[in-house]
Amino acid sequence: MTHRPSGRRECILAATTNRGKLREIAQVLQDLPFKLLSLDDLAIKQQAPEDGLTFLDNARQKALFYSRSTSLLTLAEDSGLEVEALDGAPGVYSARFAGPRADDRLNLEKVLAMMQGAPQEKRGARFICCLVLCRKQKILAEITGMVTGRISLEPRGRNGFGYDPIFFYPPLDRTFAQLTPREKNSVSHRGQALRKLRDFLNQMPPSSPA
């Protein structure tokens, strides 16, 4: 494996304002020779369109949109929950499932309400994460991670964010919100995708000075 030199730290713009996602990205990439910057760090206020039909569509839109504002490597992510009994909902609408101003609690409560009375064998679900890395509106990598589980009967745990309290992961017999950050990153959809991204970044040659 080719490793990047450690003498300089190239910057990556993580094109999200979701603090939970930023925290997980930083945790997985923390020992690489890159400095992670957020939209807030660069005072970028514009909102990218997110009207794609898939997570990958939305991640592409965001990566290309924000890479117009900077010459930095730009990492965009789109992810969410798909529930079998709800025909794949909330899907790409995961962040706003209960309305445009909904928060995590309202979103997961809507899923639980729609799943009320569903037996265990009908509660299957999966988390999907799509990452897109680009520079100057050129896509360098597209990466997907996925994990399967089921919807719990009630929220459990105080860690994580989003739908983590109702996503039960059978191999560890706990919801994602009951896992430590390290445990969650080791099995989650985003953790899987970010580890693939780590491998890609380690193989990528350093950029030429501007």
N, C-alpha and C. Protein backbone atom coordinates (compact mmCIF):
# COMPACT_ATOMS: atom_id res chain seq x y z
N MET A 1 0.83 -1.20 0.00
CA MET A 1 0.00 0.00 0.00
C MET A 1 0.87 1.25 0.00
N THR A 2 0.49 2.21 -0.82
CA THR A 2 1.20 3.48 -0.88
C THR A 2 0.65 4.41 0.18
N HIS A 3 1.52 4.98 0.98
CA HIS A 3 1.09 5.92 2.02
C HIS A 3 1.52 7.32 1.65
N ARG A 4 0.67 8.29 2.00
CA ARG A 4 0.97 9.68 1.74
C ARG A 4 2.03 10.19 2.71
N PRO A 5 2.88 11.12 2.30
CA PRO A 5 3.86 11.68 3.21
C PRO A 5 3.16 12.42 4.33
N SER A 6 3.74 12.38 5.53
CA SER A 6 3.11 12.97 6.70
C SER A 6 3.57 14.39 6.99
N GLY A 7 4.42 14.96 6.14
CA GLY A 7 4.97 16.27 6.42
C GLY A 7 4.01 17.43 6.19
N ARG A 8 2.95 17.22 5.42
CA ARG A 8 2.00 18.29 5.16
C ARG A 8 0.59 17.75 5.32
N ARG A 9 -0.31 18.64 5.70
CA ARG A 9 -1.69 18.25 5.91
C ARG A 9 -2.57 18.93 4.88
N GLU A 10 -3.06 18.16 3.95
CA GLU A 10 -3.99 18.69 2.96
C GLU A 10 -5.37 18.84 3.61
N CYS A 11 -6.13 19.82 3.19
CA CYS A 11 -7.45 20.06 3.77
C CYS A 11 -8.54 19.36 2.99
N ILE A 12 -9.54 18.87 3.71
CA ILE A 12 -10.74 18.30 3.12
C ILE A 12 -11.94 19.08 3.67
N LEU A 13 -12.78 19.56 2.76
CA LEU A 13 -14.02 20.19 3.18
C LEU A 13 -15.08 19.11 3.32
N ALA A 14 -15.58 18.92 4.54
CA ALA A 14 -16.69 18.00 4.78
C ALA A 14 -17.97 18.79 4.61
N ALA A 15 -18.67 18.57 3.52
CA ALA A 15 -19.80 19.42 3.13
C ALA A 15 -21.08 19.02 3.86
N THR A 16 -21.07 19.24 5.16
CA THR A 16 -22.26 18.98 5.97
C THR A 16 -22.26 19.92 7.18
N THR A 17 -23.44 20.20 7.68
CA THR A 17 -23.57 20.96 8.92
C THR A 17 -24.06 20.08 10.05
N ASN A 18 -24.24 18.78 9.77
CA ASN A 18 -24.70 17.83 10.78
C ASN A 18 -23.52 17.49 11.70
N ARG A 19 -23.61 17.90 12.95
CA ARG A 19 -22.49 17.71 13.88
C ARG A 19 -22.20 16.24 14.16
N GLY A 20 -23.24 15.43 14.19
CA GLY A 20 -23.03 14.00 14.41
C GLY A 20 -22.23 13.38 13.28
N LYS A 21 -22.57 13.73 12.06
CA LYS A 21 -21.82 13.21 10.91
C LYS A 21 -20.39 13.72 10.91
N LEU A 22 -20.21 15.01 11.19
CA LEU A 22 -18.85 15.57 11.25
C LEU A 22 -18.01 14.86 12.28
N ARG A 23 -18.60 14.57 13.43
CA ARG A 23 -17.88 13.89 14.49
C ARG A 23 -17.44 12.49 14.06
N GLU A 24 -18.32 11.76 13.38
CA GLU A 24 -17.98 10.41 12.95
C GLU A 24 -16.94 10.42 11.84
N ILE A 25 -17.04 11.39 10.92
CA ILE A 25 -16.02 11.51 9.87
C ILE A 25 -14.66 11.79 10.50
N ALA A 26 -14.62 12.73 11.44
CA ALA A 26 -13.36 13.09 12.09
C ALA A 26 -12.76 11.91 12.84
N GLN A 27 -13.59 11.12 13.50
CA GLN A 27 -13.08 9.99 14.27
C GLN A 27 -12.41 8.95 13.40
N VAL A 28 -13.01 8.66 12.25
CA VAL A 28 -12.46 7.62 11.38
C VAL A 28 -11.22 8.11 10.63
N LEU A 29 -11.17 9.39 10.30
CA LEU A 29 -10.05 9.92 9.51
C LEU A 29 -8.99 10.61 10.35
N GLN A 30 -9.09 10.54 11.67
CA GLN A 30 -8.28 11.39 12.54
C GLN A 30 -6.78 11.18 12.42
N ASP A 31 -6.32 9.99 12.08
CA ASP A 31 -4.87 9.76 12.04
C ASP A 31 -4.29 9.88 10.63
N LEU A 32 -5.08 10.37 9.68
CA LEU A 32 -4.56 10.60 8.33
C LEU A 32 -3.99 12.02 8.24
N PRO A 33 -3.07 12.27 7.30
CA PRO A 33 -2.46 13.59 7.17
C PRO A 33 -3.36 14.59 6.43
N PHE A 34 -4.58 14.72 6.94
CA PHE A 34 -5.53 15.66 6.37
C PHE A 34 -6.14 16.48 7.49
N LYS A 35 -6.47 17.72 7.18
CA LYS A 35 -7.18 18.58 8.12
C LYS A 35 -8.63 18.69 7.64
N LEU A 36 -9.57 18.33 8.51
CA LEU A 36 -10.97 18.35 8.16
C LEU A 36 -11.57 19.71 8.46
N LEU A 37 -12.20 20.32 7.46
CA LEU A 37 -12.87 21.60 7.62
C LEU A 37 -14.36 21.42 7.35
N SER A 38 -15.17 22.22 8.02
CA SER A 38 -16.62 22.17 7.81
C SER A 38 -17.07 23.37 6.98
N LEU A 39 -18.33 23.35 6.57
CA LEU A 39 -18.89 24.50 5.86
C LEU A 39 -18.83 25.75 6.74
N ASP A 40 -19.05 25.58 8.04
CA ASP A 40 -18.99 26.71 8.96
C ASP A 40 -17.57 27.27 9.04
N ASP A 41 -16.56 26.39 9.01
CA ASP A 41 -15.17 26.85 9.08
C ASP A 41 -14.84 27.79 7.92
N LEU A 42 -15.43 27.53 6.76
CA LEU A 42 -15.16 28.35 5.58
C LEU A 42 -16.25 29.39 5.34
N ALA A 43 -17.17 29.51 6.30
CA ALA A 43 -18.27 30.50 6.22
C ALA A 43 -19.06 30.35 4.93
N ILE A 44 -19.27 29.10 4.51
CA ILE A 44 -20.08 28.83 3.33
C ILE A 44 -21.54 28.67 3.76
N LYS A 45 -22.37 29.57 3.31
CA LYS A 45 -23.77 29.59 3.76
C LYS A 45 -24.75 29.02 2.74
N GLN A 46 -24.32 28.91 1.49
CA GLN A 46 -25.23 28.41 0.46
C GLN A 46 -25.65 26.97 0.76
N GLN A 47 -26.86 26.64 0.37
CA GLN A 47 -27.36 25.28 0.55
C GLN A 47 -27.40 24.57 -0.79
N ALA A 48 -26.79 23.41 -0.84
CA ALA A 48 -26.78 22.62 -2.07
C ALA A 48 -28.16 22.01 -2.30
N PRO A 49 -28.52 21.78 -3.56
CA PRO A 49 -29.78 21.08 -3.84
C PRO A 49 -29.68 19.63 -3.37
N GLU A 50 -30.80 19.09 -2.92
CA GLU A 50 -30.88 17.68 -2.52
C GLU A 50 -32.20 17.13 -3.02
N ASP A 51 -32.34 17.08 -4.34
CA ASP A 51 -33.59 16.62 -4.91
C ASP A 51 -33.40 15.35 -5.75
N GLY A 52 -32.32 14.60 -5.45
CA GLY A 52 -32.08 13.36 -6.15
C GLY A 52 -33.01 12.26 -5.71
N LEU A 53 -33.08 11.20 -6.50
CA LEU A 53 -33.95 10.07 -6.19
C LEU A 53 -33.25 9.02 -5.33
N THR A 54 -31.91 9.14 -5.21
CA THR A 54 -31.14 8.18 -4.41
C THR A 54 -30.16 8.93 -3.52
N PHE A 55 -29.61 8.23 -2.53
CA PHE A 55 -28.59 8.82 -1.68
C PHE A 55 -27.37 9.23 -2.50
N LEU A 56 -26.99 8.41 -3.47
CA LEU A 56 -25.83 8.73 -4.29
C LEU A 56 -26.08 9.98 -5.13
N ASP A 57 -27.30 10.12 -5.67
CA ASP A 57 -27.64 11.33 -6.42
C ASP A 57 -27.43 12.57 -5.56
N ASN A 58 -27.94 12.53 -4.33
CA ASN A 58 -27.83 13.69 -3.44
C ASN A 58 -26.38 13.97 -3.05
N ALA A 59 -25.61 12.92 -2.78
CA ALA A 59 -24.20 13.11 -2.42
C ALA A 59 -23.43 13.75 -3.58
N ARG A 60 -23.73 13.31 -4.80
CA ARG A 60 -23.08 13.91 -5.97
C ARG A 60 -23.44 15.39 -6.09
N GLN A 61 -24.73 15.69 -5.93
CA GLN A 61 -25.17 17.08 -6.03
C GLN A 61 -24.42 17.96 -5.05
N LYS A 62 -24.32 17.51 -3.82
CA LYS A 62 -23.67 18.31 -2.79
C LYS A 62 -22.18 18.45 -3.04
N ALA A 63 -21.53 17.35 -3.41
CA ALA A 63 -20.08 17.41 -3.65
C ALA A 63 -19.76 18.38 -4.78
N LEU A 64 -20.48 18.29 -5.89
CA LEU A 64 -20.22 19.15 -7.03
C LEU A 64 -20.57 20.60 -6.72
N PHE A 65 -21.65 20.82 -6.01
CA PHE A 65 -22.08 22.17 -5.65
C PHE A 65 -21.03 22.88 -4.80
N TYR A 66 -20.59 22.22 -3.73
CA TYR A 66 -19.66 22.89 -2.81
C TYR A 66 -18.24 22.96 -3.36
N SER A 67 -17.90 22.07 -4.29
CA SER A 67 -16.55 22.15 -4.86
C SER A 67 -16.39 23.36 -5.78
N ARG A 68 -17.49 24.03 -6.13
CA ARG A 68 -17.38 25.26 -6.91
C ARG A 68 -16.83 26.40 -6.07
N SER A 69 -16.99 26.29 -4.75
CA SER A 69 -16.62 27.39 -3.85
C SER A 69 -15.18 27.32 -3.38
N THR A 70 -14.49 26.24 -3.64
CA THR A 70 -13.15 26.04 -3.11
C THR A 70 -12.36 25.10 -3.99
N SER A 71 -11.04 25.19 -3.93
CA SER A 71 -10.18 24.26 -4.67
C SER A 71 -9.82 23.04 -3.82
N LEU A 72 -10.35 22.98 -2.59
CA LEU A 72 -10.04 21.88 -1.68
C LEU A 72 -10.73 20.59 -2.11
N LEU A 73 -10.19 19.48 -1.65
CA LEU A 73 -10.93 18.24 -1.73
C LEU A 73 -12.26 18.44 -1.01
N THR A 74 -13.34 18.00 -1.63
CA THR A 74 -14.66 18.20 -1.06
C THR A 74 -15.34 16.85 -0.88
N LEU A 75 -15.74 16.57 0.35
CA LEU A 75 -16.38 15.31 0.68
C LEU A 75 -17.84 15.57 1.03
N ALA A 76 -18.74 14.96 0.28
CA ALA A 76 -20.17 15.08 0.57
C ALA A 76 -20.73 13.70 0.90
N GLU A 77 -21.77 13.72 1.71
CA GLU A 77 -22.36 12.48 2.19
C GLU A 77 -23.87 12.59 2.18
N ASP A 78 -24.53 11.52 1.81
CA ASP A 78 -25.96 11.44 2.01
C ASP A 78 -26.27 10.05 2.53
N SER A 79 -27.14 10.00 3.51
CA SER A 79 -27.42 8.72 4.16
C SER A 79 -28.81 8.75 4.75
N GLY A 80 -29.29 7.58 5.10
CA GLY A 80 -30.60 7.52 5.72
C GLY A 80 -31.06 6.11 5.98
N LEU A 81 -32.29 6.03 6.43
CA LEU A 81 -32.90 4.77 6.85
C LEU A 81 -33.91 4.31 5.81
N GLU A 82 -33.88 3.02 5.50
CA GLU A 82 -34.89 2.41 4.64
C GLU A 82 -35.56 1.28 5.42
N VAL A 83 -36.88 1.34 5.52
CA VAL A 83 -37.65 0.35 6.28
C VAL A 83 -38.46 -0.50 5.31
N GLU A 84 -38.29 -1.82 5.40
CA GLU A 84 -38.94 -2.72 4.45
C GLU A 84 -40.45 -2.55 4.45
N ALA A 85 -41.07 -2.52 5.62
CA ALA A 85 -42.53 -2.45 5.72
C ALA A 85 -43.09 -1.12 5.24
N LEU A 86 -42.22 -0.11 5.10
CA LEU A 86 -42.65 1.21 4.62
C LEU A 86 -42.22 1.44 3.18
N ASP A 87 -41.97 0.34 2.47
CA ASP A 87 -41.57 0.41 1.06
C ASP A 87 -40.32 1.26 0.86
N GLY A 88 -39.39 1.18 1.80
CA GLY A 88 -38.12 1.89 1.68
C GLY A 88 -38.11 3.27 2.29
N ALA A 89 -39.24 3.75 2.78
CA ALA A 89 -39.27 5.05 3.48
C ALA A 89 -38.59 4.89 4.84
N PRO A 90 -38.06 5.98 5.40
CA PRO A 90 -38.05 7.36 4.88
C PRO A 90 -37.09 7.61 3.71
N GLY A 91 -36.09 6.76 3.51
CA GLY A 91 -35.20 6.89 2.36
C GLY A 91 -34.52 8.24 2.28
N VAL A 92 -34.54 8.83 1.08
CA VAL A 92 -33.85 10.12 0.89
C VAL A 92 -34.50 11.25 1.67
N TYR A 93 -35.67 11.00 2.22
CA TYR A 93 -36.35 12.01 3.04
C TYR A 93 -36.10 11.82 4.54
N SER A 94 -35.10 11.02 4.88
CA SER A 94 -34.85 10.67 6.28
C SER A 94 -34.71 11.88 7.19
N ALA A 95 -33.99 12.91 6.73
CA ALA A 95 -33.72 14.08 7.58
C ALA A 95 -34.95 14.96 7.77
N ARG A 96 -35.94 14.83 6.89
CA ARG A 96 -37.13 15.69 6.96
C ARG A 96 -38.41 14.87 6.85
N PHE A 97 -38.38 13.66 7.38
CA PHE A 97 -39.50 12.74 7.22
C PHE A 97 -40.77 13.27 7.88
N ALA A 98 -40.63 13.94 9.00
CA ALA A 98 -41.79 14.47 9.72
C ALA A 98 -42.07 15.93 9.36
N GLY A 99 -41.43 16.43 8.30
CA GLY A 99 -41.66 17.80 7.87
C GLY A 99 -40.36 18.56 7.71
N PRO A 100 -40.37 19.68 7.00
CA PRO A 100 -39.13 20.42 6.70
C PRO A 100 -38.41 20.96 7.93
N ARG A 101 -39.13 21.14 9.04
CA ARG A 101 -38.50 21.64 10.26
C ARG A 101 -38.42 20.57 11.35
N ALA A 102 -38.59 19.32 10.96
CA ALA A 102 -38.59 18.23 11.94
C ALA A 102 -37.20 18.01 12.52
N ASP A 103 -37.15 17.52 13.75
CA ASP A 103 -35.88 17.15 14.37
C ASP A 103 -35.82 15.62 14.47
N ASP A 104 -34.71 15.13 15.04
CA ASP A 104 -34.52 13.68 15.12
C ASP A 104 -35.66 12.99 15.86
N ARG A 105 -36.10 13.59 16.95
CA ARG A 105 -37.16 12.97 17.76
C ARG A 105 -38.45 12.83 16.97
N LEU A 106 -38.86 13.87 16.28
CA LEU A 106 -40.09 13.82 15.51
C LEU A 106 -40.00 12.80 14.37
N ASN A 107 -38.84 12.74 13.73
CA ASN A 107 -38.66 11.79 12.63
C ASN A 107 -38.79 10.35 13.11
N LEU A 108 -38.10 10.02 14.20
CA LEU A 108 -38.16 8.62 14.64
C LEU A 108 -39.53 8.28 15.23
N GLU A 109 -40.18 9.27 15.84
CA GLU A 109 -41.52 9.02 16.36
C GLU A 109 -42.51 8.73 15.22
N LYS A 110 -42.33 9.39 14.09
CA LYS A 110 -43.19 9.11 12.94
C LYS A 110 -42.98 7.69 12.43
N VAL A 111 -41.72 7.26 12.37
CA VAL A 111 -41.44 5.87 11.94
C VAL A 111 -42.08 4.89 12.92
N LEU A 112 -41.92 5.11 14.22
CA LEU A 112 -42.50 4.21 15.20
C LEU A 112 -44.02 4.17 15.08
N ALA A 113 -44.64 5.31 14.86
CA ALA A 113 -46.10 5.36 14.73
C ALA A 113 -46.56 4.57 13.51
N MET A 114 -45.84 4.69 12.41
CA MET A 114 -46.20 3.98 11.20
C MET A 114 -45.95 2.47 11.32
N MET A 115 -45.03 2.09 12.22
CA MET A 115 -44.69 0.68 12.42
C MET A 115 -45.47 0.05 13.58
N GLN A 116 -46.36 0.79 14.19
CA GLN A 116 -47.08 0.29 15.36
C GLN A 116 -47.84 -0.99 15.00
N GLY A 117 -47.62 -2.02 15.81
CA GLY A 117 -48.29 -3.30 15.60
C GLY A 117 -47.61 -4.23 14.63
N ALA A 118 -46.56 -3.77 13.95
CA ALA A 118 -45.84 -4.63 13.01
C ALA A 118 -45.05 -5.70 13.76
N PRO A 119 -45.17 -6.97 13.38
CA PRO A 119 -44.42 -8.03 14.06
C PRO A 119 -42.93 -7.94 13.75
N GLN A 120 -42.13 -8.65 14.54
CA GLN A 120 -40.67 -8.59 14.39
C GLN A 120 -40.22 -8.92 12.97
N GLU A 121 -40.86 -9.92 12.35
CA GLU A 121 -40.42 -10.34 11.02
C GLU A 121 -40.73 -9.29 9.95
N LYS A 122 -41.50 -8.26 10.29
CA LYS A 122 -41.83 -7.20 9.34
C LYS A 122 -41.12 -5.89 9.67
N ARG A 123 -40.17 -5.94 10.61
CA ARG A 123 -39.53 -4.70 11.06
C ARG A 123 -38.12 -4.53 10.51
N GLY A 124 -37.78 -5.26 9.47
CA GLY A 124 -36.46 -5.16 8.87
C GLY A 124 -36.16 -3.77 8.34
N ALA A 125 -34.91 -3.35 8.48
CA ALA A 125 -34.51 -2.01 8.03
C ALA A 125 -33.02 -2.02 7.70
N ARG A 126 -32.59 -0.99 7.01
CA ARG A 126 -31.17 -0.84 6.74
C ARG A 126 -30.80 0.63 6.69
N PHE A 127 -29.58 0.92 7.08
CA PHE A 127 -28.98 2.24 6.94
C PHE A 127 -28.07 2.20 5.72
N ILE A 128 -28.11 3.25 4.91
CA ILE A 128 -27.23 3.36 3.74
C ILE A 128 -26.49 4.70 3.81
N CYS A 129 -25.22 4.68 3.47
CA CYS A 129 -24.41 5.90 3.41
C CYS A 129 -23.68 5.94 2.07
N CYS A 130 -23.79 7.05 1.37
CA CYS A 130 -23.05 7.26 0.13
C CYS A 130 -22.13 8.46 0.29
N LEU A 131 -20.85 8.27 0.00
CA LEU A 131 -19.85 9.34 0.04
C LEU A 131 -19.40 9.66 -1.37
N VAL A 132 -19.20 10.94 -1.65
CA VAL A 132 -18.62 11.36 -2.93
C VAL A 132 -17.50 12.35 -2.63
N LEU A 133 -16.33 12.06 -3.16
CA LEU A 133 -15.16 12.93 -3.00
C LEU A 133 -14.85 13.57 -4.35
N CYS A 134 -14.70 14.88 -4.36
CA CYS A 134 -14.35 15.53 -5.62
C CYS A 134 -13.45 16.73 -5.38
N ARG A 135 -12.93 17.24 -6.46
CA ARG A 135 -12.12 18.47 -6.43
C ARG A 135 -12.39 19.23 -7.72
N LYS A 136 -12.69 20.52 -7.57
CA LYS A 136 -12.94 21.38 -8.73
C LYS A 136 -13.98 20.77 -9.67
N GLN A 137 -15.05 20.26 -9.08
CA GLN A 137 -16.19 19.68 -9.79
C GLN A 137 -15.84 18.43 -10.59
N LYS A 138 -14.74 17.77 -10.22
CA LYS A 138 -14.40 16.48 -10.81
C LYS A 138 -14.53 15.41 -9.73
N ILE A 139 -15.37 14.42 -9.98
CA ILE A 139 -15.58 13.35 -9.00
C ILE A 139 -14.38 12.40 -9.00
N LEU A 140 -13.83 12.18 -7.82
CA LEU A 140 -12.67 11.30 -7.66
C LEU A 140 -13.05 9.93 -7.13
N ALA A 141 -14.09 9.87 -6.31
CA ALA A 141 -14.49 8.59 -5.73
C ALA A 141 -15.95 8.63 -5.32
N GLU A 142 -16.62 7.48 -5.46
CA GLU A 142 -17.99 7.28 -4.97
C GLU A 142 -18.00 6.00 -4.16
N ILE A 143 -18.46 6.08 -2.93
CA ILE A 143 -18.33 4.96 -1.99
C ILE A 143 -19.66 4.76 -1.27
N THR A 144 -20.04 3.50 -1.07
CA THR A 144 -21.29 3.18 -0.38
C THR A 144 -21.04 2.20 0.76
N GLY A 145 -21.73 2.42 1.87
CA GLY A 145 -21.72 1.50 3.00
C GLY A 145 -23.16 1.20 3.40
N MET A 146 -23.40 -0.02 3.93
CA MET A 146 -24.76 -0.40 4.30
C MET A 146 -24.72 -1.36 5.48
N VAL A 147 -25.72 -1.23 6.36
CA VAL A 147 -25.84 -2.15 7.49
C VAL A 147 -27.32 -2.47 7.68
N THR A 148 -27.61 -3.74 8.00
CA THR A 148 -29.00 -4.16 8.17
C THR A 148 -29.32 -4.39 9.64
N GLY A 149 -30.57 -4.19 9.98
CA GLY A 149 -31.04 -4.41 11.35
C GLY A 149 -32.55 -4.43 11.35
N ARG A 150 -33.16 -3.95 12.41
CA ARG A 150 -34.61 -3.86 12.45
C ARG A 150 -35.04 -2.71 13.35
N ILE A 151 -36.28 -2.30 13.19
CA ILE A 151 -36.83 -1.19 13.96
C ILE A 151 -37.29 -1.71 15.32
N SER A 152 -36.78 -1.11 16.38
CA SER A 152 -37.16 -1.52 17.73
C SER A 152 -38.57 -1.04 18.05
N LEU A 153 -39.13 -1.56 19.13
CA LEU A 153 -40.48 -1.17 19.54
C LEU A 153 -40.51 0.21 20.18
N GLU A 154 -39.37 0.64 20.71
CA GLU A 154 -39.28 1.94 21.36
C GLU A 154 -37.84 2.43 21.31
N PRO A 155 -37.61 3.73 21.49
CA PRO A 155 -36.24 4.23 21.48
C PRO A 155 -35.44 3.68 22.66
N ARG A 156 -34.18 3.37 22.40
CA ARG A 156 -33.28 2.88 23.45
C ARG A 156 -31.90 3.48 23.24
N GLY A 157 -31.30 3.97 24.33
CA GLY A 157 -29.95 4.51 24.28
C GLY A 157 -29.92 6.01 24.08
N ARG A 158 -28.78 6.59 24.47
CA ARG A 158 -28.62 8.04 24.41
C ARG A 158 -27.45 8.48 23.54
N ASN A 159 -26.77 7.56 22.91
CA ASN A 159 -25.65 7.92 22.05
C ASN A 159 -26.15 8.11 20.62
N GLY A 160 -25.24 8.48 19.74
CA GLY A 160 -25.58 8.61 18.34
C GLY A 160 -26.50 9.77 18.06
N PHE A 161 -27.22 9.67 16.94
CA PHE A 161 -28.12 10.74 16.52
C PHE A 161 -29.07 10.16 15.49
N GLY A 162 -29.99 10.98 15.00
CA GLY A 162 -30.91 10.52 13.97
C GLY A 162 -31.78 9.37 14.44
N TYR A 163 -31.82 8.32 13.65
CA TYR A 163 -32.67 7.17 13.95
C TYR A 163 -31.96 6.11 14.79
N ASP A 164 -30.76 6.42 15.27
CA ASP A 164 -29.99 5.43 16.03
C ASP A 164 -30.76 4.80 17.19
N PRO A 165 -31.58 5.56 17.94
CA PRO A 165 -32.28 4.94 19.08
C PRO A 165 -33.29 3.87 18.72
N ILE A 166 -33.74 3.83 17.45
CA ILE A 166 -34.73 2.80 17.08
C ILE A 166 -34.17 1.80 16.08
N PHE A 167 -32.86 1.90 15.78
CA PHE A 167 -32.25 0.93 14.86
C PHE A 167 -31.55 -0.14 15.67
N PHE A 168 -32.20 -1.30 15.76
CA PHE A 168 -31.67 -2.42 16.55
C PHE A 168 -30.74 -3.26 15.68
N TYR A 169 -29.53 -3.51 16.20
CA TYR A 169 -28.52 -4.25 15.47
C TYR A 169 -28.34 -5.62 16.12
N PRO A 170 -28.93 -6.68 15.55
CA PRO A 170 -28.95 -7.99 16.20
C PRO A 170 -27.59 -8.57 16.60
N PRO A 171 -26.52 -8.44 15.77
CA PRO A 171 -25.25 -9.03 16.19
C PRO A 171 -24.72 -8.53 17.54
N LEU A 172 -25.04 -7.30 17.90
CA LEU A 172 -24.60 -6.76 19.19
C LEU A 172 -25.75 -6.65 20.19
N ASP A 173 -26.96 -7.04 19.77
CA ASP A 173 -28.13 -7.09 20.64
C ASP A 173 -28.43 -5.73 21.28
N ARG A 174 -28.17 -4.66 20.55
CA ARG A 174 -28.43 -3.31 21.04
C ARG A 174 -28.81 -2.40 19.88
N THR A 175 -29.43 -1.26 20.22
CA THR A 175 -29.64 -0.25 19.18
C THR A 175 -28.33 0.50 18.96
N PHE A 176 -28.27 1.22 17.84
CA PHE A 176 -27.07 2.01 17.57
C PHE A 176 -26.85 3.07 18.64
N ALA A 177 -27.92 3.56 19.26
CA ALA A 177 -27.78 4.57 20.31
C ALA A 177 -27.28 3.99 21.62
N GLN A 178 -27.26 2.65 21.74
CA GLN A 178 -26.72 2.00 22.93
C GLN A 178 -25.26 1.62 22.75
N LEU A 179 -24.72 1.83 21.56
CA LEU A 179 -23.32 1.50 21.30
C LEU A 179 -22.42 2.69 21.61
N THR A 180 -21.18 2.40 21.96
CA THR A 180 -20.20 3.48 22.08
C THR A 180 -19.86 3.97 20.69
N PRO A 181 -19.31 5.18 20.56
CA PRO A 181 -18.91 5.66 19.23
C PRO A 181 -17.97 4.69 18.51
N ARG A 182 -17.05 4.10 19.24
CA ARG A 182 -16.12 3.14 18.61
C ARG A 182 -16.86 1.91 18.10
N GLU A 183 -17.79 1.39 18.92
CA GLU A 183 -18.56 0.22 18.51
C GLU A 183 -19.41 0.53 17.27
N LYS A 184 -20.06 1.67 17.30
CA LYS A 184 -20.90 2.03 16.17
C LYS A 184 -20.07 2.19 14.89
N ASN A 185 -18.96 2.91 14.96
CA ASN A 185 -18.13 3.12 13.78
C ASN A 185 -17.60 1.81 13.21
N SER A 186 -17.44 0.81 14.05
CA SER A 186 -16.89 -0.47 13.60
C SER A 186 -17.87 -1.26 12.74
N VAL A 187 -19.17 -0.96 12.84
CA VAL A 187 -20.17 -1.75 12.11
C VAL A 187 -21.11 -0.91 11.25
N SER A 188 -21.16 0.39 11.47
CA SER A 188 -22.20 1.21 10.83
C SER A 188 -21.96 1.40 9.34
N HIS A 189 -23.01 1.83 8.67
CA HIS A 189 -22.96 2.16 7.26
C HIS A 189 -21.93 3.25 6.98
N ARG A 190 -21.92 4.28 7.83
CA ARG A 190 -20.97 5.39 7.63
C ARG A 190 -19.55 4.95 7.96
N GLY A 191 -19.39 4.15 8.99
CA GLY A 191 -18.08 3.63 9.33
C GLY A 191 -17.50 2.80 8.21
N GLN A 192 -18.32 1.94 7.60
CA GLN A 192 -17.85 1.13 6.47
C GLN A 192 -17.40 2.02 5.32
N ALA A 193 -18.23 3.00 4.97
CA ALA A 193 -17.89 3.88 3.85
C ALA A 193 -16.63 4.70 4.14
N LEU A 194 -16.50 5.17 5.36
CA LEU A 194 -15.34 5.99 5.71
C LEU A 194 -14.06 5.18 5.72
N ARG A 195 -14.12 3.92 6.09
CA ARG A 195 -12.91 3.09 6.04
C ARG A 195 -12.47 2.86 4.59
N LYS A 196 -13.44 2.71 3.69
CA LYS A 196 -13.10 2.62 2.26
C LYS A 196 -12.49 3.93 1.78
N LEU A 197 -13.03 5.05 2.28
CA LEU A 197 -12.47 6.35 1.93
C LEU A 197 -11.04 6.49 2.43
N ARG A 198 -10.77 6.01 3.64
CA ARG A 198 -9.41 6.04 4.18
C ARG A 198 -8.44 5.35 3.22
N ASP A 199 -8.84 4.17 2.75
CA ASP A 199 -7.98 3.43 1.83
C ASP A 199 -7.73 4.23 0.55
N PHE A 200 -8.78 4.86 0.05
CA PHE A 200 -8.64 5.66 -1.17
C PHE A 200 -7.70 6.84 -0.94
N LEU A 201 -7.87 7.54 0.18
CA LEU A 201 -7.03 8.70 0.47
C LEU A 201 -5.57 8.30 0.66
N ASN A 202 -5.34 7.14 1.24
CA ASN A 202 -3.97 6.67 1.43
C ASN A 202 -3.30 6.38 0.09
N GLN A 203 -4.08 5.98 -0.90
CA GLN A 203 -3.51 5.64 -2.21
C GLN A 203 -3.41 6.86 -3.12
N MET A 204 -4.12 7.93 -2.81
CA MET A 204 -4.19 9.08 -3.69
C MET A 204 -2.90 9.91 -3.59
N PRO A 205 -2.31 10.26 -4.71
CA PRO A 205 -1.09 11.08 -4.67
C PRO A 205 -1.39 12.47 -4.15
N PRO A 206 -0.44 13.10 -3.46
CA PRO A 206 -0.66 14.47 -2.97
C PRO A 206 -0.91 15.43 -4.12
N SER A 207 -1.70 16.44 -3.84
CA SER A 207 -1.99 17.44 -4.88
C SER A 207 -0.77 18.31 -5.10
N SER A 208 -0.67 18.87 -6.29
CA SER A 208 0.43 19.80 -6.59
C SER A 208 0.15 21.15 -5.94
N PRO A 209 1.19 21.84 -5.50
CA PRO A 209 0.97 23.18 -4.91
C PRO A 209 0.26 24.09 -5.92
N ALA A 210 -0.60 24.98 -5.40
CA ALA A 210 -1.32 25.90 -6.30
C ALA A 210 -0.36 26.92 -6.87
